[in-house]
C-alpha atoms as a PDB file:
ATOM      1  CA  MET A   1       0.000   0.000   0.000  1.00  0.00           C
ATOM      2  CA  LEU A   2       1.229   3.483  -0.798  1.00  0.00           C
ATOM      3  CA  ALA A   3       2.243   5.554   2.201  1.00  0.00           C
ATOM      4  CA  SER A   4       3.775   8.942   2.971  1.00  0.00           C
ATOM      5  CA  THR A   5       7.512   9.148   3.649  1.00  0.00           C
ATOM      6  CA  GLY A   6       6.872  11.799   6.268  1.00  0.00           C
ATOM      7  CA  ASP A   7       4.391   9.572   8.075  1.00  0.00           C
ATOM      8  CA  LEU A   8       6.722   6.563   8.023  1.00  0.00           C
ATOM      9  CA  VAL A   9       9.667   8.590   9.318  1.00  0.00           C
ATOM     10  CA  ALA A  10       7.559  10.243  12.025  1.00  0.00           C
ATOM     11  CA  ALA A  11       6.197   6.894  13.210  1.00  0.00           C
ATOM     12  CA  ALA A  12       9.670   5.336  13.289  1.00  0.00           C
ATOM     13  CA  ARG A  13      11.069   8.318  15.178  1.00  0.00           C
ATOM     14  CA  ALA A  14       8.237   8.252  17.715  1.00  0.00           C
ATOM     15  CA  SER A  15       8.769   4.543  18.417  1.00  0.00           C
ATOM     16  CA  GLY A  16      12.535   4.815  18.829  1.00  0.00           C
ATOM     17  CA  GLY A  17      13.329   2.977  15.596  1.00  0.00           C
ATOM     18  CA  ALA A  18      14.140   3.974  12.029  1.00  0.00           C
ATOM     19  CA  VAL A  19      12.643   3.316   8.616  1.00  0.00           C
ATOM     20  CA  GLY A  20      14.803   1.819   5.891  1.00  0.00           C
ATOM     21  CA  ALA A  21      15.057   3.571   2.516  1.00  0.00           C
ATOM     22  CA  PHE A  22      16.491   1.461  -0.299  1.00  0.00           C
ATOM     23  CA  ASN A  23      17.715   2.554  -3.723  1.00  0.00           C
ATOM     24  CA  VAL A  24      15.842   1.345  -6.790  1.00  0.00           C
ATOM     25  CA  ILE A  25      17.792   0.933 -10.029  1.00  0.00           C
ATOM     26  CA  THR A  26      15.847  -1.794 -11.823  1.00  0.00           C
ATOM     27  CA  ILE A  27      12.375  -3.276 -11.478  1.00  0.00           C
ATOM     28  CA  GLU A  28      14.007  -6.243  -9.739  1.00  0.00           C
ATOM     29  CA  HIS A  29      15.316  -3.855  -7.080  1.00  0.00           C
ATOM     30  CA  ALA A  30      11.823  -2.530  -6.386  1.00  0.00           C
ATOM     31  CA  GLU A  31      10.317  -6.022  -6.288  1.00  0.00           C
ATOM     32  CA  ALA A  32      13.056  -7.232  -3.947  1.00  0.00           C
ATOM     33  CA  ILE A  33      12.749  -4.284  -1.576  1.00  0.00           C
ATOM     34  CA  VAL A  34       9.018  -4.762  -1.193  1.00  0.00           C
ATOM     35  CA  ALA A  35       9.364  -8.546  -0.848  1.00  0.00           C
ATOM     36  CA  GLY A  36      11.986  -8.043   1.854  1.00  0.00           C
ATOM     37  CA  ALA A  37       9.766  -5.567   3.694  1.00  0.00           C
ATOM     38  CA  GLU A  38       6.790  -7.926   3.475  1.00  0.00           C
ATOM     39  CA  SER A  39       8.907 -10.735   4.900  1.00  0.00           C
ATOM     40  CA  ALA A  40       9.928  -8.472   7.791  1.00  0.00           C
ATOM     41  CA  ARG A  41       6.347  -7.150   8.073  1.00  0.00           C
ATOM     42  CA  LEU A  42       7.730  -3.624   8.251  1.00  0.00           C
ATOM     43  CA  PRO A  43       7.229  -0.436   6.232  1.00  0.00           C
ATOM     44  CA  VAL A  44       9.847   0.645   3.719  1.00  0.00           C
ATOM     45  CA  ILE A  45      10.795   3.485   1.389  1.00  0.00           C
ATOM     46  CA  LEU A  46      11.569   2.961  -2.296  1.00  0.00           C
ATOM     47  CA  GLN A  47      13.900   5.704  -3.462  1.00  0.00           C
ATOM     48  CA  ILE A  48      14.999   6.525  -6.984  1.00  0.00           C
ATOM     49  CA  SER A  49      18.026   8.785  -7.340  1.00  0.00           C
ATOM     50  CA  GLU A  50      18.882  11.281 -10.040  1.00  0.00           C
ATOM     51  CA  ASN A  51      21.761   8.954 -10.972  1.00  0.00           C
ATOM     52  CA  ALA A  52      19.278   6.107 -11.507  1.00  0.00           C
ATOM     53  CA  VAL A  53      17.106   8.358 -13.664  1.00  0.00           C
ATOM     54  CA  ARG A  54      20.187   9.212 -15.714  1.00  0.00           C
ATOM     55  CA  PHE A  55      20.813   5.465 -16.161  1.00  0.00           C
ATOM     56  CA  HIS A  56      17.281   5.171 -17.569  1.00  0.00           C
ATOM     57  CA  HIS A  57      18.112   7.662 -20.329  1.00  0.00           C
ATOM     58  CA  GLY A  58      16.939  10.582 -18.214  1.00  0.00           C
ATOM     59  CA  ARG A  59      13.362   9.304 -18.163  1.00  0.00           C
ATOM     60  CA  LEU A  60      11.827   9.139 -14.697  1.00  0.00           C
ATOM     61  CA  ALA A  61       8.291   8.108 -15.682  1.00  0.00           C
ATOM     62  CA  PRO A  62       8.830   4.418 -16.635  1.00  0.00           C
ATOM     63  CA  ILE A  63      10.804   3.328 -13.562  1.00  0.00           C
ATOM     64  CA  ALA A  64       8.611   5.507 -11.316  1.00  0.00           C
ATOM     65  CA  ALA A  65       5.449   3.892 -12.702  1.00  0.00           C
ATOM     66  CA  ALA A  66       6.846   0.427 -12.038  1.00  0.00           C
ATOM     67  CA  ALA A  67       7.898   1.321  -8.495  1.00  0.00           C
ATOM     68  CA  ARG A  68       4.537   2.937  -7.799  1.00  0.00           C
ATOM     69  CA  ALA A  69       2.622  -0.133  -9.019  1.00  0.00           C
ATOM     70  CA  ILE A  70       4.778  -2.461  -6.920  1.00  0.00           C
ATOM     71  CA  ALA A  71       4.316  -0.234  -3.862  1.00  0.00           C
ATOM     72  CA  ALA A  72       0.552  -0.017  -4.331  1.00  0.00           C
ATOM     73  CA  SER A  73       0.188  -3.815  -4.355  1.00  0.00           C
ATOM     74  CA  ALA A  74       2.351  -4.358  -1.255  1.00  0.00           C
ATOM     75  CA  SER A  75       0.932  -5.759   1.976  1.00  0.00           C
ATOM     76  CA  VAL A  76       3.012  -3.283   4.032  1.00  0.00           C
ATOM     77  CA  PRO A  77       3.215   0.528   3.819  1.00  0.00           C
ATOM     78  CA  VAL A  78       5.616   1.626   1.060  1.00  0.00           C
ATOM     79  CA  ALA A  79       6.587   5.220   0.291  1.00  0.00           C
ATOM     80  CA  LEU A  80       8.135   6.647  -2.893  1.00  0.00           C
ATOM     81  CA  HIS A  81      11.062   9.037  -2.528  1.00  0.00           C
ATOM     82  CA  LEU A  82      13.046  10.890  -5.214  1.00  0.00           C
ATOM     83  CA  ASP A  83      16.644  10.964  -3.984  1.00  0.00           C
ATOM     84  CA  HIS A  84      19.660  13.259  -4.420  1.00  0.00           C
ATOM     85  CA  VAL A  85      17.892  15.625  -6.799  1.00  0.00           C
ATOM     86  CA  GLU A  86      20.110  18.409  -8.099  1.00  0.00           C
ATOM     87  CA  SER A  87      18.146  19.251 -11.238  1.00  0.00           C
ATOM     88  CA  ASP A  88      15.213  21.654 -10.965  1.00  0.00           C
ATOM     89  CA  GLU A  89      13.719  19.961 -14.020  1.00  0.00           C
ATOM     90  CA  LEU A  90      13.700  16.576 -12.290  1.00  0.00           C
ATOM     91  CA  LEU A  91      12.364  18.130  -9.089  1.00  0.00           C
ATOM     92  CA  ALA A  92       9.379  19.405 -11.054  1.00  0.00           C
ATOM     93  CA  GLU A  93       8.577  15.820 -12.134  1.00  0.00           C
ATOM     94  CA  ALA A  94       8.227  14.442  -8.603  1.00  0.00           C
ATOM     95  CA  VAL A  95       4.542  15.057  -7.969  1.00  0.00           C
ATOM     96  CA  ILE A  96       3.285  14.086 -11.414  1.00  0.00           C
ATOM     97  CA  ASN A  97       5.100  10.753 -11.083  1.00  0.00           C
ATOM     98  CA  GLY A  98       3.582   9.881  -7.729  1.00  0.00           C
ATOM     99  CA  PHE A  99       6.378  10.737  -5.309  1.00  0.00           C
ATOM    100  CA  GLY A 100       5.463  11.957  -1.848  1.00  0.00           C
ATOM    101  CA  SER A 101       8.926  13.169  -0.920  1.00  0.00           C
ATOM    102  CA  VAL A 102      12.234  14.340  -2.356  1.00  0.00           C
ATOM    103  CA  MET A 103      15.786  14.750  -1.183  1.00  0.00           C
ATOM    104  CA  TYR A 104      16.988  18.048  -2.661  1.00  0.00           C
ATOM    105  CA  ASP A 105      20.780  18.052  -2.823  1.00  0.00           C
ATOM    106  CA  ALA A 106      22.557  21.402  -3.059  1.00  0.00           C
ATOM    107  CA  SER A 107      25.469  20.218  -0.913  1.00  0.00           C
ATOM    108  CA  ARG A 108      28.000  20.911  -3.659  1.00  0.00           C
ATOM    109  CA  LEU A 109      27.338  24.627  -3.229  1.00  0.00           C
ATOM    110  CA  PRO A 110      28.931  26.881  -0.594  1.00  0.00           C
ATOM    111  CA  TYR A 111      26.870  27.100   2.595  1.00  0.00           C
ATOM    112  CA  ALA A 112      25.050  30.357   1.813  1.00  0.00           C
ATOM    113  CA  ALA A 113      24.204  29.213  -1.721  1.00  0.00           C
ATOM    114  CA  ASN A 114      23.071  25.823  -0.388  1.00  0.00           C
ATOM    115  CA  VAL A 115      20.714  27.581   2.027  1.00  0.00           C
ATOM    116  CA  GLY A 116      19.276  29.792  -0.711  1.00  0.00           C
ATOM    117  CA  ALA A 117      18.788  26.993  -3.238  1.00  0.00           C
ATOM    118  CA  THR A 118      17.329  24.610  -0.660  1.00  0.00           C
ATOM    119  CA  ALA A 119      14.928  27.203   0.787  1.00  0.00           C
ATOM    120  CA  SER A 120      13.645  27.925  -2.715  1.00  0.00           C
ATOM    121  CA  ALA A 121      13.204  24.215  -3.466  1.00  0.00           C
ATOM    122  CA  VAL A 122      11.425  23.629  -0.144  1.00  0.00           C
ATOM    123  CA  LYS A 123       8.980  26.449  -0.861  1.00  0.00           C
ATOM    124  CA  ARG A 124       8.105  24.943  -4.249  1.00  0.00           C
ATOM    125  CA  CYS A 125       7.876  21.405  -2.903  1.00  0.00           C
ATOM    126  CA  HIS A 126       5.759  22.278   0.132  1.00  0.00           C
ATOM    127  CA  ALA A 127       3.321  24.074  -2.157  1.00  0.00           C
ATOM    128  CA  GLN A 128       2.855  20.704  -3.900  1.00  0.00           C
ATOM    129  CA  GLY A 129       2.549  18.717  -0.679  1.00  0.00           C
ATOM    130  CA  LEU A 130       6.012  17.149  -0.865  1.00  0.00           C
ATOM    131  CA  TRP A 131       8.048  16.240   2.226  1.00  0.00           C
ATOM    132  CA  VAL A 132      11.632  17.476   1.742  1.00  0.00           C
ATOM    133  CA  GLU A 133      14.958  16.097   2.931  1.00  0.00           C
ATOM    134  CA  SER A 134      18.250  17.885   2.370  1.00  0.00           C
ATOM    135  CA  GLU A 135      21.915  17.385   3.202  1.00  0.00           C
ATOM    136  CA  LEU A 136      24.508  19.280   5.206  1.00  0.00           C
ATOM    137  CA  GLY A 137      28.024  18.128   5.926  1.00  0.00           C
ATOM    138  CA  GLU A 138      29.306  16.690   2.655  1.00  0.00           C
ATOM    139  CA  ILE A 139      28.768  12.960   3.212  1.00  0.00           C
ATOM    140  CA  GLY A 140      31.667  10.980   1.805  1.00  0.00           C
ATOM    141  CA  GLY A 141      31.881   8.580  -1.097  1.00  0.00           C
ATOM    142  CA  LYS A 142      30.899  10.545  -4.197  1.00  0.00           C
ATOM    143  CA  GLY A 143      33.858  12.847  -4.774  1.00  0.00           C
ATOM    144  CA  GLY A 144      33.554  16.585  -5.164  1.00  0.00           C
ATOM    145  CA  ALA A 145      31.532  18.078  -2.343  1.00  0.00           C
ATOM    146  CA  HIS A 146      31.035  14.662  -0.750  1.00  0.00           C
ATOM    147  CA  ALA A 147      34.405  14.700   0.965  1.00  0.00           C
ATOM    148  CA  LYS A 148      35.453  11.706   3.038  1.00  0.00           C
ATOM    149  CA  GLY A 149      35.892  12.555   6.691  1.00  0.00           C
ATOM    150  CA  ALA A 150      33.553  15.572   6.649  1.00  0.00           C
ATOM    151  CA  ARG A 151      31.333  16.160   9.671  1.00  0.00           C
ATOM    152  CA  THR A 152      28.172  18.196  10.177  1.00  0.00           C
ATOM    153  CA  ASP A 153      28.331  20.945  12.795  1.00  0.00           C
ATOM    154  CA  PRO A 154      25.270  20.860  15.115  1.00  0.00           C
ATOM    155  CA  ALA A 155      24.879  24.638  15.396  1.00  0.00           C
ATOM    156  CA  GLU A 156      25.177  25.061  11.629  1.00  0.00           C
ATOM    157  CA  ALA A 157      22.696  22.211  11.101  1.00  0.00           C
ATOM    158  CA  ALA A 158      20.130  23.844  13.389  1.00  0.00           C
ATOM    159  CA  ALA A 159      20.554  27.165  11.588  1.00  0.00           C
ATOM    160  CA  PHE A 160      20.255  25.430   8.202  1.00  0.00           C
ATOM    161  CA  VAL A 161      16.960  23.782   9.147  1.00  0.00           C
ATOM    162  CA  THR A 162      15.538  27.065  10.429  1.00  0.00           C
ATOM    163  CA  ALA A 163      16.623  28.966   7.312  1.00  0.00           C
ATOM    164  CA  THR A 164      15.410  26.390   4.776  1.00  0.00           C
ATOM    165  CA  GLY A 165      12.346  24.799   6.354  1.00  0.00           C
ATOM    166  CA  VAL A 166      13.402  21.247   5.419  1.00  0.00           C
ATOM    167  CA  ASP A 167      11.474  18.347   6.939  1.00  0.00           C
ATOM    168  CA  ALA A 168      14.518  16.097   7.497  1.00  0.00           C
ATOM    169  CA  LEU A 169      18.285  16.487   7.382  1.00  0.00           C
ATOM    170  CA  ALA A 170      20.954  14.084   6.155  1.00  0.00           C
ATOM    171  CA  VAL A 171      24.117  14.598   8.186  1.00  0.00           C
ATOM    172  CA  ALA A 172      27.751  13.556   7.917  1.00  0.00           C
ATOM    173  CA  VAL A 173      28.747  11.470  10.935  1.00  0.00           C
ATOM    174  CA  GLY A 174      31.255   8.975   9.511  1.00  0.00           C
ATOM    175  CA  SER A 175      29.415   6.948   6.877  1.00  0.00           C
ATOM    176  CA  SER A 176      30.306   7.068   3.200  1.00  0.00           C
ATOM    177  CA  HIS A 177      28.426   6.383  -0.022  1.00  0.00           C
ATOM    178  CA  ALA A 178      29.254   3.333  -2.150  1.00  0.00           C
ATOM    179  CA  MET A 179      31.167   1.352   0.504  1.00  0.00           C
ATOM    180  CA  VAL A 180      31.448  -2.369  -0.280  1.00  0.00           C
ATOM    181  CA  THR A 181      32.901  -3.302   3.123  1.00  0.00           C
ATOM    182  CA  ARG A 182      31.052  -2.808   6.397  1.00  0.00           C
ATOM    183  CA  SER A 183      33.873  -1.066   8.214  1.00  0.00           C
ATOM    184  CA  ALA A 184      32.532   2.439   8.860  1.00  0.00           C
ATOM    185  CA  ARG A 185      32.637   3.745  12.411  1.00  0.00           C
ATOM    186  CA  LEU A 186      30.183   6.477  13.271  1.00  0.00           C
ATOM    187  CA  ASP A 187      30.659   9.464  15.553  1.00  0.00           C
ATOM    188  CA  HIS A 188      27.951   8.643  18.084  1.00  0.00           C
ATOM    189  CA  ASP A 189      28.704  11.646  20.275  1.00  0.00           C
ATOM    190  CA  LEU A 190      28.101  13.859  17.249  1.00  0.00           C
ATOM    191  CA  ILE A 191      24.858  12.007  16.438  1.00  0.00           C
ATOM    192  CA  ALA A 192      23.605  12.721  19.959  1.00  0.00           C
ATOM    193  CA  ARG A 193      24.536  16.400  19.703  1.00  0.00           C
ATOM    194  CA  LEU A 194      22.866  16.701  16.306  1.00  0.00           C
ATOM    195  CA  ALA A 195      19.703  15.011  17.595  1.00  0.00           C
ATOM    196  CA  ALA A 196      19.583  17.476  20.467  1.00  0.00           C
ATOM    197  CA  ALA A 197      20.208  20.508  18.263  1.00  0.00           C
ATOM    198  CA  VAL A 198      18.139  19.723  15.166  1.00  0.00           C
ATOM    199  CA  PRO A 199      14.320  19.753  15.459  1.00  0.00           C
ATOM    200  CA  VAL A 200      13.669  17.553  12.405  1.00  0.00           C
ATOM    201  CA  PRO A 201      14.403  13.835  11.815  1.00  0.00           C
ATOM    202  CA  LEU A 202      18.008  12.913  11.012  1.00  0.00           C
ATOM    203  CA  VAL A 203      18.928  10.774   8.004  1.00  0.00           C
ATOM    204  CA  LEU A 204      21.969   8.528   7.606  1.00  0.00           C
ATOM    205  CA  HIS A 205      23.270   8.176   4.053  1.00  0.00           C
ATOM    206  CA  GLY A 206      25.871   5.607   2.998  1.00  0.00           C
ATOM    207  CA  SER A 207      24.590   3.008   5.448  1.00  0.00           C
ATOM    208  CA  SER A 208      25.686  -0.042   3.439  1.00  0.00           C
ATOM    209  CA  GLY A 209      29.163   0.340   4.907  1.00  0.00           C
ATOM    210  CA  VAL A 210      27.946   0.541   8.511  1.00  0.00           C
ATOM    211  CA  PRO A 211      27.958  -2.663  10.634  1.00  0.00           C
ATOM    212  CA  ASP A 212      24.755  -3.763  12.385  1.00  0.00           C
ATOM    213  CA  ASP A 213      25.893  -2.732  15.863  1.00  0.00           C
ATOM    214  CA  GLU A 214      26.824   0.724  14.627  1.00  0.00           C
ATOM    215  CA  LEU A 215      23.454   1.088  12.888  1.00  0.00           C
ATOM    216  CA  THR A 216      21.631   0.059  16.062  1.00  0.00           C
ATOM    217  CA  ARG A 217      23.544   2.657  18.085  1.00  0.00           C
ATOM    218  CA  ALA A 218      22.854   5.304  15.430  1.00  0.00           C
ATOM    219  CA  VAL A 219      19.126   4.590  15.581  1.00  0.00           C
ATOM    220  CA  HIS A 220      19.174   4.748  19.378  1.00  0.00           C
ATOM    221  CA  GLY A 221      21.041   8.045  19.052  1.00  0.00           C
ATOM    222  CA  GLY A 222      18.383   9.642  16.871  1.00  0.00           C
ATOM    223  CA  MET A 223      18.692   8.547  13.237  1.00  0.00           C
ATOM    224  CA  ALA A 224      15.169   8.056  11.875  1.00  0.00           C
ATOM    225  CA  LYS A 225      15.726   7.275   8.171  1.00  0.00           C
ATOM    226  CA  ILE A 226      18.507   4.955   7.040  1.00  0.00           C
ATOM    227  CA  ASN A 227      19.523   4.932   3.359  1.00  0.00           C
ATOM    228  CA  ILE A 228      20.881   1.698   1.883  1.00  0.00           C
ATOM    229  CA  GLY A 229      21.873   1.125  -1.738  1.00  0.00           C
ATOM    230  CA  THR A 230      25.246  -0.504  -2.326  1.00  0.00           C
ATOM    231  CA  ALA A 231      24.385  -3.514  -0.134  1.00  0.00           C
ATOM    232  CA  LEU A 232      21.626  -4.421  -2.579  1.00  0.00           C
ATOM    233  CA  ASN A 233      23.946  -4.068  -5.562  1.00  0.00           C
ATOM    234  CA  THR A 234      26.550  -6.230  -3.830  1.00  0.00           C
ATOM    235  CA  ALA A 235      23.960  -8.977  -3.262  1.00  0.00           C
ATOM    236  CA  PHE A 236      22.623  -8.636  -6.804  1.00  0.00           C
ATOM    237  CA  THR A 237      25.980  -8.676  -8.569  1.00  0.00           C
ATOM    238  CA  GLY A 238      27.495 -11.384  -6.381  1.00  0.00           C
ATOM    239  CA  THR A 239      24.589 -13.707  -7.041  1.00  0.00           C
ATOM    240  CA  VAL A 240      24.631 -13.098 -10.797  1.00  0.00           C
ATOM    241  CA  ARG A 241      28.397 -13.544 -10.943  1.00  0.00           C
ATOM    242  CA  ALA A 242      28.164 -16.859  -9.065  1.00  0.00           C
ATOM    243  CA  ALA A 243      25.344 -18.134 -11.271  1.00  0.00           C
ATOM    244  CA  LEU A 244      27.131 -17.313 -14.520  1.00  0.00           C
ATOM    245  CA  GLY A 245      30.382 -18.714 -13.172  1.00  0.00           C
ATOM    246  CA  THR A 246      28.713 -22.013 -12.340  1.00  0.00           C
ATOM    247  CA  HIS A 247      26.586 -22.102 -15.499  1.00  0.00           C
ATOM    248  CA  PRO A 248      28.465 -20.166 -18.195  1.00  0.00           C
ATOM    249  CA  ASP A 249      26.007 -21.373 -20.819  1.00  0.00           C
ATOM    250  CA  LEU A 250      23.063 -19.488 -19.275  1.00  0.00           C
ATOM    251  CA  VAL A 251      21.436 -17.010 -21.638  1.00  0.00           C
ATOM    252  CA  ASP A 252      17.948 -16.527 -20.158  1.00  0.00           C
ATOM    253  CA  PRO A 253      18.270 -13.631 -17.666  1.00  0.00           C
ATOM    254  CA  ARG A 254      15.312 -14.909 -15.673  1.00  0.00           C
ATOM    255  CA  ARG A 255      17.444 -17.856 -14.600  1.00  0.00           C
ATOM    256  CA  TYR A 256      19.877 -15.631 -12.705  1.00  0.00           C
ATOM    257  CA  LEU A 257      17.836 -12.491 -12.031  1.00  0.00           C
ATOM    258  CA  ALA A 258      15.376 -14.467  -9.909  1.00  0.00           C
ATOM    259  CA  SER A 259      18.107 -15.560  -7.501  1.00  0.00           C
ATOM    260  CA  ALA A 260      19.598 -12.059  -7.508  1.00  0.00           C
ATOM    261  CA  ARG A 261      16.197 -10.611  -6.610  1.00  0.00           C
ATOM    262  CA  THR A 262      15.880 -13.106  -3.763  1.00  0.00           C
ATOM    263  CA  ALA A 263      19.336 -12.186  -2.454  1.00  0.00           C
ATOM    264  CA  MET A 264      18.390  -8.496  -2.413  1.00  0.00           C
ATOM    265  CA  ALA A 265      15.118  -9.255  -0.642  1.00  0.00           C
ATOM    266  CA  GLU A 266      16.968 -11.155   2.075  1.00  0.00           C
ATOM    267  CA  THR A 267      19.344  -8.205   2.472  1.00  0.00           C
ATOM    268  CA  VAL A 268      16.370  -5.874   2.931  1.00  0.00           C
ATOM    269  CA  THR A 269      14.678  -8.126   5.483  1.00  0.00           C
ATOM    270  CA  THR A 270      17.831  -8.370   7.588  1.00  0.00           C
ATOM    271  CA  ALA A 271      18.470  -4.630   7.449  1.00  0.00           C
ATOM    272  CA  LEU A 272      14.900  -3.739   8.445  1.00  0.00           C
ATOM    273  CA  GLN A 273      15.045  -6.126  11.386  1.00  0.00           C
ATOM    274  CA  VAL A 274      18.248  -4.424  12.570  1.00  0.00           C
ATOM    275  CA  LEU A 275      16.633  -0.994  12.302  1.00  0.00           C
ATOM    276  CA  ARG A 276      13.585  -2.230  14.181  1.00  0.00           C
ATOM    277  CA  SER A 277      15.573  -3.959  16.919  1.00  0.00           C
ATOM    278  CA  GLY A 278      15.719  -0.910  19.151  1.00  0.00           C
ATOM    279  CA  VAL A 279      12.041  -0.024  18.968  1.00  0.00           C
ATOM    280  CA  LEU A 280      10.364   0.561  22.305  1.00  0.00           C
ATOM    281  CA  PRO A 281       7.613  -1.942  23.176  1.00  0.00           C
ATOM    282  CA  ALA A 282       4.046  -0.794  22.495  1.00  0.00           C
END
């Protein structure tokens, strides 16, 4: 069933847990994410990034329609989120393609320019009923503005939220995008200070490289939305590679994509259970 990202994040935050947000690249990703969430009996967020849209020849509508249909038929609440949007043109496509939320990313700009661009985007998005996430602190793993080792300052984060009106804030606390090993160590003291200073939910990007115990501590510390992408791709690619290595004569993609989809679903189920593990009893 389709749900609102804002509602899922608010409910997770209120219960002391976090909601998982997983990157969709192919239809198999979307199917696997929902299957994994149904197995865990937990809500989930399907997110499509600007990079994924670029992979689909710059066309958002086809992959968005598939994700929306898969979400609508799910037995658990599923939200649609447009992630890491830098293009104003793509931002304008969010509502007409069924998204309830966006992550507007102006983090490559200097602070003052980031504030101005984000405030403008928030005003436009709120007028359309969109929940808006943004980023401050240059989260590592993408080069350029996403510098490894960067950290978000709590006072600056609080000022940024006030100036822009964002509904959630992604912060840099030690994770990094595109990690294929789970070796990241988070700054939990900083997470606690950010949670105390920032009035909106906190988001952790680059969570594929964060071990389970670190994720659990981050959720306890105040992280309410946890983004995971590379872990799915690792499961997908590893399974396909193994299948083709064992059966080099395979030509029907259904023969190996089915097992890859299952591997991603299992990854989602495990991750959601970790994020739910700290939830306070009802």
